[in-house]
Amino acid sequence: MVYGPAIRTRGDRILAATASVKPINWLNVSTLVSVAILVGTELIGAGAAAGWAIGGLFGLGGPLTHALEGALVLLALTGLYYFLRAAAAHETLRG
């Protein structure tokens, strides 16, 4: 015989599993979102400006300069992704 409440349906199991989840710490989440906006703007702007400057310095022409800008912006987005992963690992978002 099983003692305690019986979990009969899938929904009951999901509710039982999520009952122990800690609440979201909105102060830390808003800090992380603010940092993402600030650092993302800086990195993307720097990537686009560096592509424009290098393309103009070496006279690469329009299409090649735009391709270089795009590559550097993608590099900046990759850096932002890894930065946010590290920041989220150190910040307590729940609890």
Foldseek 3Di string as FASTA:
>chain_A
DDDDDDQDDPVSVVCVVCVPFFAFPVVLVVVLVVVLVVQLVVQLVVLQVVLQVVCVVVVVDDPSSVVSSVVSNVVSVVVSVVVSVVSPVVTPGGD
